[in-house]
């Protein structure tokens, strides 16, 4: 059984992380001394190490056992707060919003870690375990990429401040957005003729219809203009001398 610096024996499993048969993680910590004079302990379980450490930190704070630390090494949460404060007014509004959103939605998973003990594996596990802020679903790939980008900015700051030697982001997992495949079908000349003929026939049969579609189909076929560009076309946009159409406006 391990001993503390004072020579007292530490309870078995105290402060250590155990992997349970169901894959969850468990830590047992001391929460005080009971009326009988014996140490009282409490076990905390979670689905991942970062979430477990977050739960343990919150419990210790509620019990008045918040971790005390010297100037070095530092806890992640202290450096993160310092970093966010340093960015206020120094970056664009959109960047600062991105930083604060990530700070609230993702950074908390590392709060109780010493910043010099965070590894790429810990970051990967956090990325795989984090849940959405408005639901219990996994965030989108785009959101996870955003988390990684902001976390990379943070660790670069930590390196600059010499809190850590190198950033742990270099060996973390990568995410790639799935590119949606679009099958573009280009009609043949004969098919285009048929489309124009049908459009002209439609206009003749619906004379009371306010919008004539044949001119639009013909213009689109001849120029490749989009519908929004054609619908907002003005007389001033057409140069009859050079047979040129200037696209200056479009409907969204």
C-alpha atoms as a PDB file:
ATOM      1  CA  UNK A   1       0.000   0.000   0.000  1.00  0.00           C
ATOM      2  CA  UNK A   2       1.362   3.445  -0.945  1.00  0.00           C
ATOM      3  CA  UNK A   3       2.442   5.952   1.691  1.00  0.00           C
ATOM      4  CA  UNK A   4       2.092   9.735   1.649  1.00  0.00           C
ATOM      5  CA  UNK A   5       4.932  12.136   2.522  1.00  0.00           C
ATOM      6  CA  UNK A   6       3.731  12.250   6.112  1.00  0.00           C
ATOM      7  CA  UNK A   7       4.121   8.501   6.462  1.00  0.00           C
ATOM      8  CA  UNK A   8       0.395   7.751   6.472  1.00  0.00           C
ATOM      9  CA  UNK A   9      -0.811   4.900   4.334  1.00  0.00           C
ATOM     10  CA  UNK A  10      -2.963   5.916   1.402  1.00  0.00           C
ATOM     11  CA  UNK A  11      -6.164   3.895   0.976  1.00  0.00           C
ATOM     12  CA  UNK A  12      -5.963   1.362  -1.819  1.00  0.00           C
ATOM     13  CA  UNK A  13      -7.021   2.886  -5.108  1.00  0.00           C
ATOM     14  CA  UNK A  14      -7.077   6.413  -3.676  1.00  0.00           C
ATOM     15  CA  UNK A  15      -6.777   8.871  -6.566  1.00  0.00           C
ATOM     16  CA  UNK A  16      -6.040   6.186  -9.145  1.00  0.00           C
ATOM     17  CA  UNK A  17      -8.120   5.550 -12.243  1.00  0.00           C
ATOM     18  CA  UNK A  18      -9.545   2.087 -12.773  1.00  0.00           C
ATOM     19  CA  UNK A  19     -11.120   0.683 -15.934  1.00  0.00           C
ATOM     20  CA  UNK A  20     -14.376  -1.128 -15.166  1.00  0.00           C
ATOM     21  CA  UNK A  21     -15.646  -4.232 -17.027  1.00  0.00           C
ATOM     22  CA  UNK A  22     -18.244  -2.131 -18.894  1.00  0.00           C
ATOM     23  CA  UNK A  23     -15.517   0.166 -20.234  1.00  0.00           C
ATOM     24  CA  UNK A  24     -16.254   3.089 -17.905  1.00  0.00           C
ATOM     25  CA  UNK A  25     -13.598   4.732 -15.729  1.00  0.00           C
ATOM     26  CA  UNK A  26     -13.656   4.913 -11.940  1.00  0.00           C
ATOM     27  CA  UNK A  27     -11.786   6.932  -9.324  1.00  0.00           C
ATOM     28  CA  UNK A  28     -12.105   6.785  -5.539  1.00  0.00           C
ATOM     29  CA  UNK A  29     -11.189   9.848  -3.470  1.00  0.00           C
ATOM     30  CA  UNK A  30     -11.289  10.797   0.202  1.00  0.00           C
ATOM     31  CA  UNK A  31     -14.098  13.197   1.061  1.00  0.00           C
ATOM     32  CA  UNK A  32     -13.353  13.724   4.744  1.00  0.00           C
ATOM     33  CA  UNK A  33     -13.475  12.105   8.156  1.00  0.00           C
ATOM     34  CA  UNK A  34     -16.704  10.744   9.663  1.00  0.00           C
ATOM     35  CA  UNK A  35     -17.967  11.007  13.224  1.00  0.00           C
ATOM     36  CA  UNK A  36     -16.324   7.659  13.924  1.00  0.00           C
ATOM     37  CA  UNK A  37     -12.932   9.136  13.060  1.00  0.00           C
ATOM     38  CA  UNK A  38     -12.544   7.045   9.912  1.00  0.00           C
ATOM     39  CA  UNK A  39     -11.798   8.302   6.446  1.00  0.00           C
ATOM     40  CA  UNK A  40     -14.821   8.509   4.167  1.00  0.00           C
ATOM     41  CA  UNK A  41     -14.321   7.843   0.464  1.00  0.00           C
ATOM     42  CA  UNK A  42     -16.488   8.277  -2.601  1.00  0.00           C
ATOM     43  CA  UNK A  43     -16.256   6.604  -5.998  1.00  0.00           C
ATOM     44  CA  UNK A  44     -16.935   8.519  -9.221  1.00  0.00           C
ATOM     45  CA  UNK A  45     -17.491   6.875 -12.584  1.00  0.00           C
ATOM     46  CA  UNK A  46     -17.617   8.292 -16.113  1.00  0.00           C
ATOM     47  CA  UNK A  47     -17.467   7.141 -19.711  1.00  0.00           C
ATOM     48  CA  UNK A  48     -14.026   8.697 -20.362  1.00  0.00           C
ATOM     49  CA  UNK A  49     -10.980   9.953 -18.453  1.00  0.00           C
ATOM     50  CA  UNK A  50     -11.515  13.657 -19.234  1.00  0.00           C
ATOM     51  CA  UNK A  51     -15.132  13.534 -18.045  1.00  0.00           C
ATOM     52  CA  UNK A  52     -14.068  11.581 -14.956  1.00  0.00           C
ATOM     53  CA  UNK A  53     -11.395  14.162 -14.085  1.00  0.00           C
ATOM     54  CA  UNK A  54     -13.937  16.944 -14.589  1.00  0.00           C
ATOM     55  CA  UNK A  55     -16.412  15.253 -12.214  1.00  0.00           C
ATOM     56  CA  UNK A  56     -13.697  14.687  -9.600  1.00  0.00           C
ATOM     57  CA  UNK A  57     -12.592  18.325  -9.800  1.00  0.00           C
ATOM     58  CA  UNK A  58     -16.172  19.578  -9.360  1.00  0.00           C
ATOM     59  CA  UNK A  59     -16.694  17.266  -6.361  1.00  0.00           C
ATOM     60  CA  UNK A  60     -13.489  18.465  -4.720  1.00  0.00           C
ATOM     61  CA  UNK A  61     -14.493  22.076  -5.228  1.00  0.00           C
ATOM     62  CA  UNK A  62     -17.905  21.390  -3.656  1.00  0.00           C
ATOM     63  CA  UNK A  63     -16.155  19.789  -0.676  1.00  0.00           C
ATOM     64  CA  UNK A  64     -13.679  22.644  -0.298  1.00  0.00           C
ATOM     65  CA  UNK A  65     -10.827  20.487  -1.564  1.00  0.00           C
ATOM     66  CA  UNK A  66      -9.952  22.578  -4.626  1.00  0.00           C
ATOM     67  CA  UNK A  67      -6.455  21.759  -5.785  1.00  0.00           C
ATOM     68  CA  UNK A  68      -3.826  24.192  -4.603  1.00  0.00           C
ATOM     69  CA  UNK A  69      -0.833  24.639  -6.841  1.00  0.00           C
ATOM     70  CA  UNK A  70       2.338  26.654  -7.174  1.00  0.00           C
ATOM     71  CA  UNK A  71       3.223  28.919 -10.062  1.00  0.00           C
ATOM     72  CA  UNK A  72       4.748  25.911 -11.856  1.00  0.00           C
ATOM     73  CA  UNK A  73       3.426  23.533 -12.949  1.00  0.00           C
ATOM     74  CA  UNK A  74       0.051  25.060 -13.795  1.00  0.00           C
ATOM     75  CA  UNK A  75      -3.411  23.614 -14.221  1.00  0.00           C
ATOM     76  CA  UNK A  76      -4.987  23.735 -17.639  1.00  0.00           C
ATOM     77  CA  UNK A  77      -7.985  25.758 -16.407  1.00  0.00           C
ATOM     78  CA  UNK A  78      -5.764  28.533 -15.032  1.00  0.00           C
ATOM     79  CA  UNK A  79      -3.743  28.898 -18.217  1.00  0.00           C
ATOM     80  CA  UNK A  80      -6.924  28.694 -20.337  1.00  0.00           C
ATOM     81  CA  UNK A  81      -8.507  31.559 -18.407  1.00  0.00           C
ATOM     82  CA  UNK A  82      -5.324  33.597 -18.757  1.00  0.00           C
ATOM     83  CA  UNK A  83      -5.175  32.851 -22.502  1.00  0.00           C
ATOM     84  CA  UNK A  84      -8.800  33.838 -23.109  1.00  0.00           C
ATOM     85  CA  UNK A  85      -8.360  37.106 -21.218  1.00  0.00           C
ATOM     86  CA  UNK A  86      -5.272  37.905 -23.310  1.00  0.00           C
ATOM     87  CA  UNK A  87      -7.268  37.489 -26.535  1.00  0.00           C
ATOM     88  CA  UNK A  88     -10.062  39.915 -25.656  1.00  0.00           C
ATOM     89  CA  UNK A  89      -9.749  42.970 -27.882  1.00  0.00           C
ATOM     90  CA  UNK A  90      -6.678  41.512 -29.614  1.00  0.00           C
ATOM     91  CA  UNK A  91      -8.426  39.353 -32.216  1.00  0.00           C
ATOM     92  CA  UNK A  92     -11.429  39.794 -34.507  1.00  0.00           C
ATOM     93  CA  UNK A  93     -14.927  39.529 -33.053  1.00  0.00           C
ATOM     94  CA  UNK A  94     -15.595  36.255 -34.903  1.00  0.00           C
ATOM     95  CA  UNK A  95     -12.348  34.720 -33.635  1.00  0.00           C
ATOM     96  CA  UNK A  96     -13.086  35.745 -30.053  1.00  0.00           C
ATOM     97  CA  UNK A  97     -16.599  34.289 -30.270  1.00  0.00           C
ATOM     98  CA  UNK A  98     -15.070  31.043 -31.565  1.00  0.00           C
ATOM     99  CA  UNK A  99     -12.576  31.018 -28.670  1.00  0.00           C
ATOM    100  CA  UNK A 100     -15.199  31.647 -25.979  1.00  0.00           C
ATOM    101  CA  UNK A 101     -17.576  29.049 -27.449  1.00  0.00           C
ATOM    102  CA  UNK A 102     -14.860  26.394 -27.454  1.00  0.00           C
ATOM    103  CA  UNK A 103     -13.764  27.467 -23.970  1.00  0.00           C
ATOM    104  CA  UNK A 104     -17.263  26.869 -22.592  1.00  0.00           C
ATOM    105  CA  UNK A 105     -18.150  23.785 -24.636  1.00  0.00           C
ATOM    106  CA  UNK A 106     -14.908  21.815 -24.720  1.00  0.00           C
ATOM    107  CA  UNK A 107     -12.084  23.155 -22.553  1.00  0.00           C
ATOM    108  CA  UNK A 108     -13.782  22.104 -19.300  1.00  0.00           C
ATOM    109  CA  UNK A 109     -12.826  18.484 -20.015  1.00  0.00           C
ATOM    110  CA  UNK A 110      -9.184  19.352 -19.258  1.00  0.00           C
ATOM    111  CA  UNK A 111      -9.750  21.621 -16.238  1.00  0.00           C
ATOM    112  CA  UNK A 112      -8.224  19.365 -13.589  1.00  0.00           C
ATOM    113  CA  UNK A 113      -5.196  18.318 -15.651  1.00  0.00           C
ATOM    114  CA  UNK A 114      -1.765  19.802 -15.232  1.00  0.00           C
ATOM    115  CA  UNK A 115      -1.059  21.462 -18.546  1.00  0.00           C
ATOM    116  CA  UNK A 116       2.314  19.724 -18.872  1.00  0.00           C
ATOM    117  CA  UNK A 117       0.652  16.304 -18.451  1.00  0.00           C
ATOM    118  CA  UNK A 118      -1.857  16.592 -21.296  1.00  0.00           C
ATOM    119  CA  UNK A 119      -0.992  14.225 -24.141  1.00  0.00           C
ATOM    120  CA  UNK A 120      -2.342  13.716 -27.645  1.00  0.00           C
ATOM    121  CA  UNK A 121      -4.140  10.580 -26.408  1.00  0.00           C
ATOM    122  CA  UNK A 122      -5.969  12.584 -23.733  1.00  0.00           C
ATOM    123  CA  UNK A 123      -7.012  15.147 -26.346  1.00  0.00           C
ATOM    124  CA  UNK A 124      -8.206  12.414 -28.731  1.00  0.00           C
ATOM    125  CA  UNK A 125     -10.263  10.819 -25.976  1.00  0.00           C
ATOM    126  CA  UNK A 126     -11.840  14.177 -25.142  1.00  0.00           C
ATOM    127  CA  UNK A 127     -12.707  14.770 -28.804  1.00  0.00           C
ATOM    128  CA  UNK A 128     -14.375  11.352 -28.993  1.00  0.00           C
ATOM    129  CA  UNK A 129     -16.326  11.774 -25.744  1.00  0.00           C
ATOM    130  CA  UNK A 130     -17.535  15.374 -25.937  1.00  0.00           C
ATOM    131  CA  UNK A 131     -21.277  15.900 -26.378  1.00  0.00           C
ATOM    132  CA  UNK A 132     -23.185  18.722 -28.020  1.00  0.00           C
ATOM    133  CA  UNK A 133     -24.146  21.717 -25.877  1.00  0.00           C
ATOM    134  CA  UNK A 134     -27.847  21.600 -26.840  1.00  0.00           C
ATOM    135  CA  UNK A 135     -28.262  17.837 -27.008  1.00  0.00           C
ATOM    136  CA  UNK A 136     -26.582  14.614 -25.993  1.00  0.00           C
ATOM    137  CA  UNK A 137     -25.530  13.947 -29.558  1.00  0.00           C
ATOM    138  CA  UNK A 138     -22.014  14.002 -30.934  1.00  0.00           C
ATOM    139  CA  UNK A 139     -20.960  17.367 -32.381  1.00  0.00           C
ATOM    140  CA  UNK A 140     -20.553  17.580 -36.148  1.00  0.00           C
ATOM    141  CA  UNK A 141     -17.182  16.982 -37.780  1.00  0.00           C
ATOM    142  CA  UNK A 142     -17.011  20.706 -38.510  1.00  0.00           C
ATOM    143  CA  UNK A 143     -17.465  21.491 -34.805  1.00  0.00           C
ATOM    144  CA  UNK A 144     -14.728  19.027 -33.794  1.00  0.00           C
ATOM    145  CA  UNK A 145     -12.372  20.547 -36.363  1.00  0.00           C
ATOM    146  CA  UNK A 146     -13.151  23.950 -34.835  1.00  0.00           C
ATOM    147  CA  UNK A 147     -12.412  22.640 -31.323  1.00  0.00           C
ATOM    148  CA  UNK A 148      -9.059  21.298 -32.509  1.00  0.00           C
ATOM    149  CA  UNK A 149      -8.156  24.565 -34.212  1.00  0.00           C
ATOM    150  CA  UNK A 150      -8.851  26.653 -31.094  1.00  0.00           C
ATOM    151  CA  UNK A 151      -7.114  24.134 -28.838  1.00  0.00           C
ATOM    152  CA  UNK A 152      -4.087  24.367 -31.135  1.00  0.00           C
ATOM    153  CA  UNK A 153      -4.050  28.165 -30.750  1.00  0.00           C
ATOM    154  CA  UNK A 154      -4.226  27.742 -26.979  1.00  0.00           C
ATOM    155  CA  UNK A 155      -1.336  25.267 -26.778  1.00  0.00           C
ATOM    156  CA  UNK A 156       0.808  27.503 -29.001  1.00  0.00           C
ATOM    157  CA  UNK A 157       0.191  30.237 -26.430  1.00  0.00           C
ATOM    158  CA  UNK A 158       1.235  27.831 -23.657  1.00  0.00           C
ATOM    159  CA  UNK A 159       4.454  27.053 -25.539  1.00  0.00           C
ATOM    160  CA  UNK A 160       5.181  30.785 -26.020  1.00  0.00           C
ATOM    161  CA  UNK A 161       4.682  31.334 -22.285  1.00  0.00           C
ATOM    162  CA  UNK A 162       7.004  28.353 -21.591  1.00  0.00           C
ATOM    163  CA  UNK A 163       4.364  26.456 -19.626  1.00  0.00           C
ATOM    164  CA  UNK A 164       5.055  23.472 -21.893  1.00  0.00           C
ATOM    165  CA  UNK A 165       7.931  22.582 -24.213  1.00  0.00           C
ATOM    166  CA  UNK A 166       5.920  21.418 -27.213  1.00  0.00           C
ATOM    167  CA  UNK A 167       2.282  21.336 -28.243  1.00  0.00           C
ATOM    168  CA  UNK A 168       0.540  17.944 -27.862  1.00  0.00           C
ATOM    169  CA  UNK A 169      -1.662  18.742 -30.883  1.00  0.00           C
ATOM    170  CA  UNK A 170       0.826  17.483 -33.461  1.00  0.00           C
ATOM    171  CA  UNK A 171      -0.052  13.800 -33.019  1.00  0.00           C
ATOM    172  CA  UNK A 172      -3.793  14.117 -32.446  1.00  0.00           C
ATOM    173  CA  UNK A 173      -6.376  12.495 -34.705  1.00  0.00           C
ATOM    174  CA  UNK A 174      -7.482  14.263 -37.847  1.00  0.00           C
ATOM    175  CA  UNK A 175     -11.018  14.859 -39.057  1.00  0.00           C
ATOM    176  CA  UNK A 176     -12.098  15.405 -42.621  1.00  0.00           C
ATOM    177  CA  UNK A 177     -15.422  16.701 -43.836  1.00  0.00           C
ATOM    178  CA  UNK A 178     -17.213  14.413 -46.232  1.00  0.00           C
ATOM    179  CA  UNK A 179     -17.513  15.989 -49.623  1.00  0.00           C
ATOM    180  CA  UNK A 180     -20.999  15.666 -50.987  1.00  0.00           C
ATOM    181  CA  UNK A 181     -20.916  14.167 -54.437  1.00  0.00           C
ATOM    182  CA  UNK A 182     -23.084  16.017 -56.905  1.00  0.00           C
ATOM    183  CA  UNK A 183     -23.897  14.373 -60.207  1.00  0.00           C
ATOM    184  CA  UNK A 184     -24.081  17.170 -62.751  1.00  0.00           C
ATOM    185  CA  UNK A 185     -26.150  16.209 -65.783  1.00  0.00           C
ATOM    186  CA  UNK A 186     -25.543  18.372 -68.850  1.00  0.00           C
ATOM    187  CA  UNK A 187     -28.324  18.096 -71.453  1.00  0.00           C
ATOM    188  CA  UNK A 188     -27.442  17.389 -75.067  1.00  0.00           C
ATOM    189  CA  UNK A 189     -28.169  19.860 -77.884  1.00  0.00           C
ATOM    190  CA  UNK A 190     -31.286  17.918 -78.822  1.00  0.00           C
ATOM    191  CA  UNK A 191     -32.491  17.942 -75.233  1.00  0.00           C
ATOM    192  CA  UNK A 192     -31.889  21.703 -75.011  1.00  0.00           C
ATOM    193  CA  UNK A 193     -33.917  22.248 -78.183  1.00  0.00           C
ATOM    194  CA  UNK A 194     -36.731  20.200 -76.692  1.00  0.00           C
ATOM    195  CA  UNK A 195     -36.612  22.219 -73.452  1.00  0.00           C
ATOM    196  CA  UNK A 196     -36.778  25.523 -75.366  1.00  0.00           C
ATOM    197  CA  UNK A 197     -39.643  24.289 -77.528  1.00  0.00           C
ATOM    198  CA  UNK A 198     -41.591  23.183 -74.454  1.00  0.00           C
ATOM    199  CA  UNK A 199     -40.953  26.557 -72.818  1.00  0.00           C
ATOM    200  CA  UNK A 200     -42.172  28.448 -75.891  1.00  0.00           C
ATOM    201  CA  UNK A 201     -45.265  26.219 -76.071  1.00  0.00           C
ATOM    202  CA  UNK A 202     -45.965  26.833 -72.373  1.00  0.00           C
ATOM    203  CA  UNK A 203     -45.817  30.606 -72.877  1.00  0.00           C
ATOM    204  CA  UNK A 204     -48.263  30.451 -75.803  1.00  0.00           C
ATOM    205  CA  UNK A 205     -50.746  28.321 -73.892  1.00  0.00           C
ATOM    206  CA  UNK A 206     -50.562  30.514 -70.776  1.00  0.00           C
ATOM    207  CA  UNK A 207     -50.670  34.041 -72.193  1.00  0.00           C
ATOM    208  CA  UNK A 208     -52.211  35.391 -69.011  1.00  0.00           C
ATOM    209  CA  UNK A 209     -49.258  34.125 -66.993  1.00  0.00           C
ATOM    210  CA  UNK A 210     -47.195  37.123 -65.866  1.00  0.00           C
ATOM    211  CA  UNK A 211     -43.777  35.461 -66.183  1.00  0.00           C
ATOM    212  CA  UNK A 212     -42.658  34.196 -69.586  1.00  0.00           C
ATOM    213  CA  UNK A 213     -40.255  31.310 -69.120  1.00  0.00           C
ATOM    214  CA  UNK A 214     -38.963  30.968 -72.699  1.00  0.00           C
ATOM    215  CA  UNK A 215     -36.781  34.122 -72.516  1.00  0.00           C
ATOM    216  CA  UNK A 216     -35.320  32.884 -69.227  1.00  0.00           C
ATOM    217  CA  UNK A 217     -34.525  29.419 -70.614  1.00  0.00           C
ATOM    218  CA  UNK A 218     -33.009  30.946 -73.740  1.00  0.00           C
ATOM    219  CA  UNK A 219     -30.896  33.412 -71.751  1.00  0.00           C
ATOM    220  CA  UNK A 220     -29.715  30.670 -69.389  1.00  0.00           C
ATOM    221  CA  UNK A 221     -28.818  28.410 -72.323  1.00  0.00           C
ATOM    222  CA  UNK A 222     -26.949  31.152 -74.173  1.00  0.00           C
ATOM    223  CA  UNK A 223     -25.070  32.702 -71.244  1.00  0.00           C
ATOM    224  CA  UNK A 224     -25.038  30.200 -68.373  1.00  0.00           C
ATOM    225  CA  UNK A 225     -26.566  32.778 -66.030  1.00  0.00           C
ATOM    226  CA  UNK A 226     -28.200  31.568 -62.839  1.00  0.00           C
ATOM    227  CA  UNK A 227     -31.849  32.116 -62.025  1.00  0.00           C
ATOM    228  CA  UNK A 228     -31.172  34.717 -59.314  1.00  0.00           C
ATOM    229  CA  UNK A 229     -28.949  36.669 -61.690  1.00  0.00           C
ATOM    230  CA  UNK A 230     -31.536  36.652 -64.489  1.00  0.00           C
ATOM    231  CA  UNK A 231     -34.459  37.646 -62.285  1.00  0.00           C
ATOM    232  CA  UNK A 232     -32.600  40.721 -61.044  1.00  0.00           C
ATOM    233  CA  UNK A 233     -31.264  41.772 -64.442  1.00  0.00           C
ATOM    234  CA  UNK A 234     -31.766  45.464 -65.299  1.00  0.00           C
ATOM    235  CA  UNK A 235     -31.714  47.399 -68.567  1.00  0.00           C
ATOM    236  CA  UNK A 236     -28.618  49.277 -67.403  1.00  0.00           C
ATOM    237  CA  UNK A 237     -26.788  45.954 -67.112  1.00  0.00           C
ATOM    238  CA  UNK A 238     -27.044  45.314 -70.879  1.00  0.00           C
ATOM    239  CA  UNK A 239     -24.728  46.944 -73.410  1.00  0.00           C
ATOM    240  CA  UNK A 240     -26.445  46.592 -76.803  1.00  0.00           C
ATOM    241  CA  UNK A 241     -23.435  48.002 -78.661  1.00  0.00           C
ATOM    242  CA  UNK A 242     -21.077  45.251 -77.515  1.00  0.00           C
ATOM    243  CA  UNK A 243     -23.738  42.585 -76.903  1.00  0.00           C
ATOM    244  CA  UNK A 244     -22.515  42.292 -73.327  1.00  0.00           C
ATOM    245  CA  UNK A 245     -24.454  41.567 -70.134  1.00  0.00           C
ATOM    246  CA  UNK A 246     -22.950  42.752 -66.862  1.00  0.00           C
ATOM    247  CA  UNK A 247     -23.953  40.720 -63.818  1.00  0.00           C
ATOM    248  CA  UNK A 248     -24.087  43.244 -60.991  1.00  0.00           C
ATOM    249  CA  UNK A 249     -27.035  42.009 -58.937  1.00  0.00           C
ATOM    250  CA  UNK A 250     -28.670  38.738 -57.978  1.00  0.00           C
ATOM    251  CA  UNK A 251     -31.588  37.545 -55.902  1.00  0.00           C
ATOM    252  CA  UNK A 252     -30.595  35.345 -52.959  1.00  0.00           C
END
